[in-house]
PDB file of N, CA and C in Angstrom:
ATOM      1  N   MET A   1    -154.478 -12.500  34.454  1.00  0.00           N
ATOM      2  CA  MET A   1    -154.902 -11.997  35.722  1.00  0.00           C
ATOM      3  C   MET A   1    -153.659 -12.076  36.603  1.00  0.00           C
ATOM      4  N   LEU A   2    -153.483 -11.020  37.396  1.00  0.00           N
ATOM      5  CA  LEU A   2    -152.324 -10.948  38.334  1.00  0.00           C
ATOM      6  C   LEU A   2    -152.695 -11.699  39.703  1.00  0.00           C
ATOM      7  N   ASN A   3    -151.719 -12.315  40.287  1.00  0.00           N
ATOM      8  CA  ASN A   3    -151.927 -12.979  41.590  1.00  0.00           C
ATOM      9  C   ASN A   3    -150.622 -12.805  42.360  1.00  0.00           C
ATOM     10  N   ASP A   4    -150.516 -13.480  43.494  1.00  0.00           N
ATOM     11  CA  ASP A   4    -149.365 -13.267  44.430  1.00  0.00           C
ATOM     12  C   ASP A   4    -148.123 -13.730  43.644  1.00  0.00           C
ATOM     13  N   ILE A   5    -148.094 -14.664  42.776  1.00  0.00           N
ATOM     14  CA  ILE A   5    -146.924 -15.146  42.133  1.00  0.00           C
ATOM     15  C   ILE A   5    -146.348 -14.148  41.123  1.00  0.00           C
ATOM     16  N   THR A   6    -147.284 -13.288  40.580  1.00  0.00           N
ATOM     17  CA  THR A   6    -146.893 -12.273  39.669  1.00  0.00           C
ATOM     18  C   THR A   6    -145.855 -11.382  40.317  1.00  0.00           C
ATOM     19  N   PHE A   7    -146.010 -11.086  41.638  1.00  0.00           N
ATOM     20  CA  PHE A   7    -145.293 -10.170  42.391  1.00  0.00           C
ATOM     21  C   PHE A   7    -143.901 -10.695  42.824  1.00  0.00           C
ATOM     22  N   LEU A   8    -143.689 -11.960  42.836  1.00  0.00           N
ATOM     23  CA  LEU A   8    -142.539 -12.575  43.421  1.00  0.00           C
ATOM     24  C   LEU A   8    -141.387 -12.500  42.482  1.00  0.00           C
ATOM     25  N   PRO A   9    -140.166 -12.092  43.056  1.00  0.00           N
ATOM     26  CA  PRO A   9    -139.018 -12.152  42.146  1.00  0.00           C
ATOM     27  C   PRO A   9    -138.593 -13.699  41.948  1.00  0.00           C
ATOM     28  N   THR A  10    -138.007 -13.786  40.793  1.00  0.00           N
ATOM     29  CA  THR A  10    -137.553 -15.219  40.417  1.00  0.00           C
ATOM     30  C   THR A  10    -136.164 -15.402  40.871  1.00  0.00           C
ATOM     31  N   ARG A  11    -135.930 -16.609  41.485  1.00  0.00           N
ATOM     32  CA  ARG A  11    -134.587 -17.027  42.007  1.00  0.00           C
ATOM     33  C   ARG A  11    -133.773 -17.509  40.854  1.00  0.00           C
ATOM     34  N   ILE A  12    -132.520 -17.100  40.770  1.00  0.00           N
ATOM     35  CA  ILE A  12    -131.635 -17.655  39.779  1.00  0.00           C
ATOM     36  C   ILE A  12    -130.403 -18.323  40.633  1.00  0.00           C
ATOM     37  N   ALA A  13    -130.350 -19.693  40.465  1.00  0.00           N
ATOM     38  CA  ALA A  13    -129.315 -20.415  41.095  1.00  0.00           C
ATOM     39  C   ALA A  13    -128.042 -20.106  40.427  1.00  0.00           C
ATOM     40  N   THR A  14    -126.876 -20.137  41.220  1.00  0.00           N
ATOM     41  CA  THR A  14    -125.582 -20.057  40.642  1.00  0.00           C
ATOM     42  C   THR A  14    -125.380 -21.262  39.710  1.00  0.00           C
ATOM     43  N   GLY A  15    -124.861 -20.942  38.555  1.00  0.00           N
ATOM     44  CA  GLY A  15    -124.594 -21.920  37.535  1.00  0.00           C
ATOM     45  C   GLY A  15    -125.621 -22.471  36.746  1.00  0.00           C
ATOM     46  N   GLN A  16    -126.882 -21.788  36.907  1.00  0.00           N
ATOM     47  CA  GLN A  16    -128.106 -22.137  36.074  1.00  0.00           C
ATOM     48  C   GLN A  16    -128.676 -20.923  35.509  1.00  0.00           C
ATOM     49  N   PRO A  17    -128.140 -20.490  34.353  1.00  0.00           N
ATOM     50  CA  PRO A  17    -128.530 -19.155  33.820  1.00  0.00           C
ATOM     51  C   PRO A  17    -130.162 -19.105  33.293  1.00  0.00           C
ATOM     52  N   MET A  18    -130.609 -18.078  33.601  1.00  0.00           N
ATOM     53  CA  MET A  18    -132.000 -17.738  33.056  1.00  0.00           C
ATOM     54  C   MET A  18    -131.890 -17.340  31.531  1.00  0.00           C
ATOM     55  N   ARG A  19    -132.674 -17.970  30.715  1.00  0.00           N
ATOM     56  CA  ARG A  19    -132.717 -17.794  29.296  1.00  0.00           C
ATOM     57  C   ARG A  19    -133.877 -16.777  28.918  1.00  0.00           C
ATOM     58  N   ILE A  20    -133.641 -15.746  28.142  1.00  0.00           N
ATOM     59  CA  ILE A  20    -134.761 -15.042  27.574  1.00  0.00           C
ATOM     60  C   ILE A  20    -134.432 -14.896  26.108  1.00  0.00           C
ATOM     61  N   VAL A  21    -135.520 -15.199  25.401  1.00  0.00           N
ATOM     62  CA  VAL A  21    -135.397 -15.304  23.876  1.00  0.00           C
ATOM     63  C   VAL A  21    -136.264 -14.109  23.353  1.00  0.00           C
ATOM     64  N   ASP A  22    -135.601 -13.323  22.472  1.00  0.00           N
ATOM     65  CA  ASP A  22    -136.185 -12.159  21.793  1.00  0.00           C
ATOM     66  C   ASP A  22    -136.965 -11.280  22.869  1.00  0.00           C
ATOM     67  N   GLY A  23    -136.199 -10.824  23.899  1.00  0.00           N
ATOM     68  CA  GLY A  23    -136.767 -10.079  24.979  1.00  0.00           C
ATOM     69  C   GLY A  23    -136.640  -8.546  24.847  1.00  0.00           C
ATOM     70  N   THR A  24    -136.428  -8.016  23.701  1.00  0.00           N
ATOM     71  CA  THR A  24    -136.225  -6.581  23.473  1.00  0.00           C
ATOM     72  C   THR A  24    -137.180  -5.790  24.228  1.00  0.00           C
ATOM     73  N   GLY A  25    -136.857  -4.910  25.229  1.00  0.00           N
ATOM     74  CA  GLY A  25    -137.729  -4.113  25.960  1.00  0.00           C
ATOM     75  C   GLY A  25    -137.966  -4.660  27.288  1.00  0.00           C
ATOM     76  N   THR A  26    -137.650  -5.937  27.591  1.00  0.00           N
ATOM     77  CA  THR A  26    -137.972  -6.569  28.788  1.00  0.00           C
ATOM     78  C   THR A  26    -136.956  -5.903  29.814  1.00  0.00           C
ATOM     79  N   GLU A  27    -137.507  -5.600  30.942  1.00  0.00           N
ATOM     80  CA  GLU A  27    -136.729  -4.969  32.123  1.00  0.00           C
ATOM     81  C   GLU A  27    -136.326  -6.010  33.112  1.00  0.00           C
ATOM     82  N   ILE A  28    -135.081  -6.036  33.513  1.00  0.00           N
ATOM     83  CA  ILE A  28    -134.586  -7.042  34.436  1.00  0.00           C
ATOM     84  C   ILE A  28    -134.154  -6.211  35.610  1.00  0.00           C
ATOM     85  N   CYS A  29    -134.891  -6.392  36.731  1.00  0.00           N
ATOM     86  CA  CYS A  29    -134.567  -5.719  38.085  1.00  0.00           C
ATOM     87  C   CYS A  29    -133.924  -6.639  38.961  1.00  0.00           C
ATOM     88  N   ASN A  30    -132.636  -6.308  39.382  1.00  0.00           N
ATOM     89  CA  ASN A  30    -132.043  -7.180  40.304  1.00  0.00           C
ATOM     90  C   ASN A  30    -132.417  -6.809  41.778  1.00  0.00           C
ATOM     91  N   VAL A  31    -133.145  -7.794  42.468  1.00  0.00           N
ATOM     92  CA  VAL A  31    -133.724  -7.502  43.731  1.00  0.00           C
ATOM     93  C   VAL A  31    -132.390  -7.936  44.843  1.00  0.00           C
ATOM     94  N   GLU A  32    -131.773  -9.041  44.553  1.00  0.00           N
ATOM     95  CA  GLU A  32    -130.878  -9.560  45.501  1.00  0.00           C
ATOM     96  C   GLU A  32    -129.701 -10.303  44.925  1.00  0.00           C
ATOM     97  N   GLY A  33    -128.523 -10.101  45.458  1.00  0.00           N
ATOM     98  CA  GLY A  33    -127.314 -10.766  44.814  1.00  0.00           C
ATOM     99  C   GLY A  33    -126.869  -9.863  43.683  1.00  0.00           C
ATOM    100  N   ALA A  34    -125.993 -10.425  42.852  1.00  0.00           N
ATOM    101  CA  ALA A  34    -125.464  -9.832  41.702  1.00  0.00           C
ATOM    102  C   ALA A  34    -125.617 -10.626  40.518  1.00  0.00           C
ATOM    103  N   VAL A  35    -125.911 -10.042  39.415  1.00  0.00           N
ATOM    104  CA  VAL A  35    -126.272 -10.873  38.190  1.00  0.00           C
ATOM    105  C   VAL A  35    -125.423 -10.218  36.960  1.00  0.00           C
ATOM    106  N   TRP A  36    -125.072 -11.279  36.105  1.00  0.00           N
ATOM    107  CA  TRP A  36    -124.390 -10.802  34.772  1.00  0.00           C
ATOM    108  C   TRP A  36    -125.383 -11.092  33.641  1.00  0.00           C
ATOM    109  N   ILE A  37    -125.553  -9.941  32.858  1.00  0.00           N
ATOM    110  CA  ILE A  37    -126.384 -10.183  31.682  1.00  0.00           C
ATOM    111  C   ILE A  37    -125.519 -10.069  30.448  1.00  0.00           C
ATOM    112  N   THR A  38    -125.797 -11.077  29.450  1.00  0.00           N
ATOM    113  CA  THR A  38    -125.250 -11.066  28.223  1.00  0.00           C
ATOM    114  C   THR A  38    -126.225 -11.216  27.098  1.00  0.00           C
ATOM    115  N   GLN A  39    -126.307 -10.275  26.041  1.00  0.00           N
ATOM    116  CA  GLN A  39    -127.206 -10.431  24.940  1.00  0.00           C
ATOM    117  C   GLN A  39    -126.427 -10.864  23.690  1.00  0.00           C
ATOM    118  N   ALA A  40    -127.197 -11.649  22.912  1.00  0.00           N
ATOM    119  CA  ALA A  40    -126.531 -12.046  21.625  1.00  0.00           C
ATOM    120  C   ALA A  40    -125.993 -10.855  20.692  1.00  0.00           C
ATOM    121  N   GLY A  41    -124.819 -10.959  20.254  1.00  0.00           N
ATOM    122  CA  GLY A  41    -124.282  -9.868  19.457  1.00  0.00           C
ATOM    123  C   GLY A  41    -123.881  -8.575  20.199  1.00  0.00           C
ATOM    124  N   ASP A  42    -123.921  -8.637  21.506  1.00  0.00           N
ATOM    125  CA  ASP A  42    -123.621  -7.458  22.239  1.00  0.00           C
ATOM    126  C   ASP A  42    -122.260  -7.621  22.977  1.00  0.00           C
ATOM    127  N   PRO A  43    -121.315  -6.777  22.700  1.00  0.00           N
ATOM    128  CA  PRO A  43    -120.046  -6.986  23.176  1.00  0.00           C
ATOM    129  C   PRO A  43    -119.906  -6.549  24.758  1.00  0.00           C
ATOM    130  N   ARG A  44    -120.934  -5.845  25.246  1.00  0.00           N
ATOM    131  CA  ARG A  44    -120.938  -5.328  26.619  1.00  0.00           C
ATOM    132  C   ARG A  44    -121.170  -6.546  27.611  1.00  0.00           C
ATOM    133  N   ASP A  45    -120.606  -6.355  28.752  1.00  0.00           N
ATOM    134  CA  ASP A  45    -120.906  -7.232  29.908  1.00  0.00           C
ATOM    135  C   ASP A  45    -121.746  -6.272  30.780  1.00  0.00           C
ATOM    136  N   ILE A  46    -123.010  -6.630  31.177  1.00  0.00           N
ATOM    137  CA  ILE A  46    -123.881  -5.831  32.102  1.00  0.00           C
ATOM    138  C   ILE A  46    -123.792  -6.614  33.369  1.00  0.00           C
ATOM    139  N   VAL A  47    -123.441  -5.968  34.417  1.00  0.00           N
ATOM    140  CA  VAL A  47    -123.448  -6.527  35.778  1.00  0.00           C
ATOM    141  C   VAL A  47    -124.318  -5.707  36.647  1.00  0.00           C
ATOM    142  N   LEU A  48    -125.289  -6.236  37.214  1.00  0.00           N
ATOM    143  CA  LEU A  48    -126.196  -5.505  38.185  1.00  0.00           C
ATOM    144  C   LEU A  48    -126.038  -5.939  39.633  1.00  0.00           C
ATOM    145  N   ALA A  49    -125.923  -4.979  40.497  1.00  0.00           N
ATOM    146  CA  ALA A  49    -125.895  -5.255  41.817  1.00  0.00           C
ATOM    147  C   ALA A  49    -127.341  -5.178  42.294  1.00  0.00           C
ATOM    148  N   ALA A  50    -127.654  -5.429  43.545  1.00  0.00           N
ATOM    149  CA  ALA A  50    -129.061  -5.499  44.068  1.00  0.00           C
ATOM    150  C   ALA A  50    -129.502  -4.032  43.995  1.00  0.00           C
ATOM    151  N   GLY A  51    -130.727  -3.817  43.489  1.00  0.00           N
ATOM    152  CA  GLY A  51    -131.329  -2.520  43.333  1.00  0.00           C
ATOM    153  C   GLY A  51    -131.126  -1.819  42.061  1.00  0.00           C
ATOM    154  N   GLU A  52    -130.324  -2.558  41.021  1.00  0.00           N
ATOM    155  CA  GLU A  52    -130.091  -1.859  39.756  1.00  0.00           C
ATOM    156  C   GLU A  52    -131.014  -2.702  38.736  1.00  0.00           C
ATOM    157  N   ARG A  53    -131.244  -2.042  37.579  1.00  0.00           N
ATOM    158  CA  ARG A  53    -132.003  -2.659  36.552  1.00  0.00           C
ATOM    159  C   ARG A  53    -131.440  -2.328  35.146  1.00  0.00           C
ATOM    160  N   PHE A  54    -131.925  -3.086  34.262  1.00  0.00           N
ATOM    161  CA  PHE A  54    -131.432  -2.961  32.830  1.00  0.00           C
ATOM    162  C   PHE A  54    -132.540  -3.341  31.937  1.00  0.00           C
ATOM    163  N   ARG A  55    -132.786  -2.605  30.886  1.00  0.00           N
ATOM    164  CA  ARG A  55    -133.747  -2.981  29.842  1.00  0.00           C
ATOM    165  C   ARG A  55    -133.119  -3.446  28.659  1.00  0.00           C
ATOM    166  N   LEU A  56    -133.508  -4.698  28.346  1.00  0.00           N
ATOM    167  CA  LEU A  56    -132.914  -5.411  27.158  1.00  0.00           C
ATOM    168  C   LEU A  56    -133.054  -4.647  25.877  1.00  0.00           C
ATOM    169  N   ASP A  57    -132.002  -4.506  25.092  1.00  0.00           N
ATOM    170  CA  ASP A  57    -132.080  -3.657  23.942  1.00  0.00           C
ATOM    171  C   ASP A  57    -131.769  -4.404  22.649  1.00  0.00           C
ATOM    172  N   ARG A  58    -131.795  -5.833  22.692  1.00  0.00           N
ATOM    173  CA  ARG A  58    -131.529  -6.534  21.626  1.00  0.00           C
ATOM    174  C   ARG A  58    -132.447  -7.847  21.554  1.00  0.00           C
ATOM    175  N   GLY A  59    -132.640  -8.369  20.419  1.00  0.00           N
ATOM    176  CA  GLY A  59    -133.442  -9.581  20.299  1.00  0.00           C
ATOM    177  C   GLY A  59    -132.453 -10.738  20.410  1.00  0.00           C
ATOM    178  N   GLY A  60    -132.872 -11.920  20.046  1.00  0.00           N
ATOM    179  CA  GLY A  60    -132.044 -13.133  20.111  1.00  0.00           C
ATOM    180  C   GLY A  60    -132.002 -13.638  21.548  1.00  0.00           C
ATOM    181  N   LEU A  61    -130.910 -14.328  21.868  1.00  0.00           N
ATOM    182  CA  LEU A  61    -130.913 -15.016  23.189  1.00  0.00           C
ATOM    183  C   LEU A  61    -130.159 -13.990  24.176  1.00  0.00           C
ATOM    184  N   THR A  62    -130.678 -13.920  25.284  1.00  0.00           N
ATOM    185  CA  THR A  62    -130.126 -13.299  26.484  1.00  0.00           C
ATOM    186  C   THR A  62    -129.955 -14.232  27.707  1.00  0.00           C
ATOM    187  N   LEU A  63    -128.837 -14.171  28.344  1.00  0.00           N
ATOM    188  CA  LEU A  63    -128.508 -14.952  29.474  1.00  0.00           C
ATOM    189  C   LEU A  63    -128.463 -14.082  30.692  1.00  0.00           C
ATOM    190  N   VAL A  64    -129.204 -14.410  31.789  1.00  0.00           N
ATOM    191  CA  VAL A  64    -129.003 -13.856  33.078  1.00  0.00           C
ATOM    192  C   VAL A  64    -128.382 -14.827  33.957  1.00  0.00           C
ATOM    193  N   VAL A  65    -127.294 -14.425  34.598  1.00  0.00           N
ATOM    194  CA  VAL A  65    -126.365 -15.403  35.355  1.00  0.00           C
ATOM    195  C   VAL A  65    -126.098 -14.886  36.732  1.00  0.00           C
ATOM    196  N   ALA A  66    -126.422 -15.604  37.868  1.00  0.00           N
ATOM    197  CA  ALA A  66    -126.137 -15.218  39.088  1.00  0.00           C
ATOM    198  C   ALA A  66    -124.673 -15.385  39.342  1.00  0.00           C
ATOM    199  N   LEU A  67    -124.026 -14.309  39.970  1.00  0.00           N
ATOM    200  CA  LEU A  67    -122.624 -14.268  40.256  1.00  0.00           C
ATOM    201  C   LEU A  67    -122.250 -14.644  41.722  1.00  0.00           C
ATOM    202  N   ASP A  68    -121.531 -15.586  41.885  1.00  0.00           N
ATOM    203  CA  ASP A  68    -121.019 -16.041  43.263  1.00  0.00           C
ATOM    204  C   ASP A  68    -122.029 -16.652  44.106  1.00  0.00           C
ATOM    205  N   HIS A  69    -123.216 -16.105  44.131  1.00  0.00           N
ATOM    206  CA  HIS A  69    -124.335 -16.647  45.075  1.00  0.00           C
ATOM    207  C   HIS A  69    -125.711 -16.558  44.272  1.00  0.00           C
ATOM    208  N   PRO A  70    -126.685 -17.249  44.683  1.00  0.00           N
ATOM    209  CA  PRO A  70    -127.950 -17.107  44.002  1.00  0.00           C
ATOM    210  C   PRO A  70    -128.422 -15.720  44.110  1.00  0.00           C
ATOM    211  N   ALA A  71    -129.252 -15.371  43.179  1.00  0.00           N
ATOM    212  CA  ALA A  71    -129.783 -14.012  42.988  1.00  0.00           C
ATOM    213  C   ALA A  71    -131.286 -14.075  42.839  1.00  0.00           C
ATOM    214  N   LYS A  72    -131.939 -12.874  42.985  1.00  0.00           N
ATOM    215  CA  LYS A  72    -133.406 -12.842  42.737  1.00  0.00           C
ATOM    216  C   LYS A  72    -133.537 -11.626  41.808  1.00  0.00           C
ATOM    217  N   VAL A  73    -134.337 -11.914  40.787  1.00  0.00           N
ATOM    218  CA  VAL A  73    -134.750 -10.874  39.839  1.00  0.00           C
ATOM    219  C   VAL A  73    -136.164 -10.761  39.621  1.00  0.00           C
ATOM    220  N   ARG A  74    -136.572  -9.519  39.190  1.00  0.00           N
ATOM    221  CA  ARG A  74    -137.979  -9.353  38.828  1.00  0.00           C
ATOM    222  C   ARG A  74    -137.881  -9.006  37.345  1.00  0.00           C
ATOM    223  N   ILE A  75    -138.682  -9.752  36.498  1.00  0.00           N
ATOM    224  CA  ILE A  75    -138.759  -9.593  35.048  1.00  0.00           C
ATOM    225  C   ILE A  75    -140.011  -8.880  34.735  1.00  0.00           C
ATOM    226  N   LEU A  76    -139.966  -7.848  33.847  1.00  0.00           N
ATOM    227  CA  LEU A  76    -141.161  -7.218  33.407  1.00  0.00           C
ATOM    228  C   LEU A  76    -141.130  -7.086  31.883  1.00  0.00           C
ATOM    229  N   PRO A  77    -142.001  -7.770  31.149  1.00  0.00           N
ATOM    230  CA  PRO A  77    -142.041  -7.729  29.804  1.00  0.00           C
ATOM    231  C   PRO A  77    -142.238  -6.287  29.310  1.00  0.00           C
ATOM    232  N   GLY A  78    -141.309  -5.831  28.428  1.00  0.00           N
ATOM    233  CA  GLY A  78    -141.468  -4.481  28.010  1.00  0.00           C
ATOM    234  C   GLY A  78    -142.613  -4.146  27.124  1.00  0.00           C
ATOM    235  N   ASP A  79    -143.183  -5.156  26.454  1.00  0.00           N
ATOM    236  CA  ASP A  79    -144.181  -4.950  25.484  1.00  0.00           C
ATOM    237  C   ASP A  79    -145.610  -5.228  26.113  1.00  0.00           C
ATOM    238  N   ASP A  80    -145.567  -5.563  27.341  1.00  0.00           N
ATOM    239  CA  ASP A  80    -146.880  -5.866  28.118  1.00  0.00           C
ATOM    240  C   ASP A  80    -147.179  -4.650  28.983  1.00  0.00           C
ATOM    241  N   ARG A  81    -147.820  -3.512  28.274  1.00  0.00           N
ATOM    242  CA  ARG A  81    -148.110  -2.361  29.016  1.00  0.00           C
ATOM    243  C   ARG A  81    -149.320  -2.565  29.887  1.00  0.00           C
ATOM    244  N   ALA A  82    -150.288  -3.424  29.674  1.00  0.00           N
ATOM    245  CA  ALA A  82    -151.376  -3.654  30.504  1.00  0.00           C
ATOM    246  C   ALA A  82    -150.892  -4.251  31.764  1.00  0.00           C
ATOM    247  N   MET A  83    -149.995  -5.175  31.719  1.00  0.00           N
ATOM    248  CA  MET A  83    -149.518  -5.807  32.964  1.00  0.00           C
ATOM    249  C   MET A  83    -148.648  -4.769  33.660  1.00  0.00           C
ATOM    250  N   PHE A  84    -147.861  -3.903  33.107  1.00  0.00           N
ATOM    251  CA  PHE A  84    -147.192  -2.898  33.854  1.00  0.00           C
ATOM    252  C   PHE A  84    -148.073  -1.943  34.566  1.00  0.00           C
ATOM    253  N   GLU A  85    -149.088  -1.500  33.986  1.00  0.00           N
ATOM    254  CA  GLU A  85    -150.105  -0.609  34.526  1.00  0.00           C
ATOM    255  C   GLU A  85    -150.727  -1.207  35.752  1.00  0.00           C
ATOM    256  N   GLN A  86    -151.130  -2.539  35.724  1.00  0.00           N
ATOM    257  CA  GLN A  86    -151.708  -3.211  36.842  1.00  0.00           C
ATOM    258  C   GLN A  86    -150.746  -3.325  37.996  1.00  0.00           C
ATOM    259  N   LEU A  87    -149.439  -3.490  37.627  1.00  0.00           N
ATOM    260  CA  LEU A  87    -148.427  -3.500  38.747  1.00  0.00           C
ATOM    261  C   LEU A  87    -148.152  -2.225  39.441  1.00  0.00           C
ATOM    262  N   VAL A  88    -148.407  -1.126  38.618  1.00  0.00           N
ATOM    263  CA  VAL A  88    -148.356   0.257  39.219  1.00  0.00           C
ATOM    264  C   VAL A  88    -149.499   0.365  40.207  1.00  0.00           C
ATOM    265  N   VAL A  89    -150.752   0.033  39.697  1.00  0.00           N
ATOM    266  CA  VAL A  89    -151.952   0.250  40.461  1.00  0.00           C
ATOM    267  C   VAL A  89    -151.787  -0.602  41.798  1.00  0.00           C
ATOM    268  N   ALA A  90    -151.149  -1.738  41.657  1.00  0.00           N
ATOM    269  CA  ALA A  90    -151.091  -2.765  42.885  1.00  0.00           C
ATOM    270  C   ALA A  90    -150.044  -2.256  43.822  1.00  0.00           C
ATOM    271  N   GLY A  91    -149.171  -1.285  43.342  1.00  0.00           N
ATOM    272  CA  GLY A  91    -148.115  -0.670  44.214  1.00  0.00           C
ATOM    273  C   GLY A  91    -146.853  -1.538  44.191  1.00  0.00           C
ATOM    274  N   VAL A  92    -146.778  -2.457  43.278  1.00  0.00           N
ATOM    275  CA  VAL A  92    -145.543  -3.390  43.182  1.00  0.00           C
ATOM    276  C   VAL A  92    -144.350  -2.571  42.506  1.00  0.00           C
ATOM    277  N   VAL A  93    -144.808  -1.806  41.535  1.00  0.00           N
ATOM    278  CA  VAL A  93    -143.742  -1.061  40.786  1.00  0.00           C
ATOM    279  C   VAL A  93    -144.150   0.447  40.789  1.00  0.00           C
ATOM    280  N   GLY A  94    -143.183   1.299  40.594  1.00  0.00           N
ATOM    281  CA  GLY A  94    -143.406   2.679  40.429  1.00  0.00           C
ATOM    282  C   GLY A  94    -143.587   3.019  38.943  1.00  0.00           C
ATOM    283  N   ALA A  95    -144.257   4.129  38.661  1.00  0.00           N
ATOM    284  CA  ALA A  95    -144.466   4.501  37.310  1.00  0.00           C
ATOM    285  C   ALA A  95    -143.189   4.624  36.503  1.00  0.00           C
ATOM    286  N   GLU A  96    -142.056   4.823  37.113  1.00  0.00           N
ATOM    287  CA  GLU A  96    -140.748   4.973  36.456  1.00  0.00           C
ATOM    288  C   GLU A  96    -140.043   3.731  36.140  1.00  0.00           C
ATOM    289  N   GLY A  97    -140.457   2.542  36.686  1.00  0.00           N
ATOM    290  CA  GLY A  97    -139.872   1.301  36.406  1.00  0.00           C
ATOM    291  C   GLY A  97    -140.391   0.227  37.297  1.00  0.00           C
ATOM    292  N   CYS A  98    -139.638  -0.912  37.347  1.00  0.00           N
ATOM    293  CA  CYS A  98    -140.110  -2.161  37.907  1.00  0.00           C
ATOM    294  C   CYS A  98    -139.888  -2.286  39.329  1.00  0.00           C
ATOM    295  N   GLY A  99    -139.513  -1.327  40.113  1.00  0.00           N
ATOM    296  CA  GLY A  99    -139.404  -1.295  41.457  1.00  0.00           C
ATOM    297  C   GLY A  99    -138.439  -2.294  42.069  1.00  0.00           C
ATOM    298  N   CYS A 100    -137.137  -2.140  41.717  1.00  0.00           N
ATOM    299  CA  CYS A 100    -136.213  -3.168  42.202  1.00  0.00           C
ATOM    300  C   CYS A 100    -136.120  -3.309  43.684  1.00  0.00           C
ATOM    301  N   ALA A 101    -136.288  -2.298  44.384  1.00  0.00           N
ATOM    302  CA  ALA A 101    -136.184  -2.318  45.837  1.00  0.00           C
ATOM    303  C   ALA A 101    -137.387  -3.058  46.524  1.00  0.00           C
ATOM    304  N   ALA A 102    -138.524  -3.101  45.850  1.00  0.00           N
ATOM    305  CA  ALA A 102    -139.659  -3.757  46.333  1.00  0.00           C
ATOM    306  C   ALA A 102    -139.684  -5.277  46.303  1.00  0.00           C
ATOM    307  N   ALA A 103    -138.854  -5.905  47.243  1.00  0.00           N
ATOM    308  CA  ALA A 103    -138.785  -7.289  47.330  1.00  0.00           C
ATOM    309  C   ALA A 103    -139.913  -7.889  47.920  1.00  0.00           C
TER     310      ALA A 103
END
């Protein structure tokens, strides 16, 4: 069941990475600050500014790290279509994605 906590972005403190395990398809929307995303076995460095998003495309361990200052991200599980549809109906996200700008 969705509640007010479902809609809140998660705060990431500087120096305390968020760990996501086997999150293929999970969408990370950066609401505030800047974050660096690194996925196991991926040579890319993904950096998101506020308002940008990235869909994880690998399994294994992913780290989301706040750069310079704490950040806020919204995490939407890619395989949870029912939750996504409820978020669209509630107006938290648009049908095209997780609504980075909707802090």
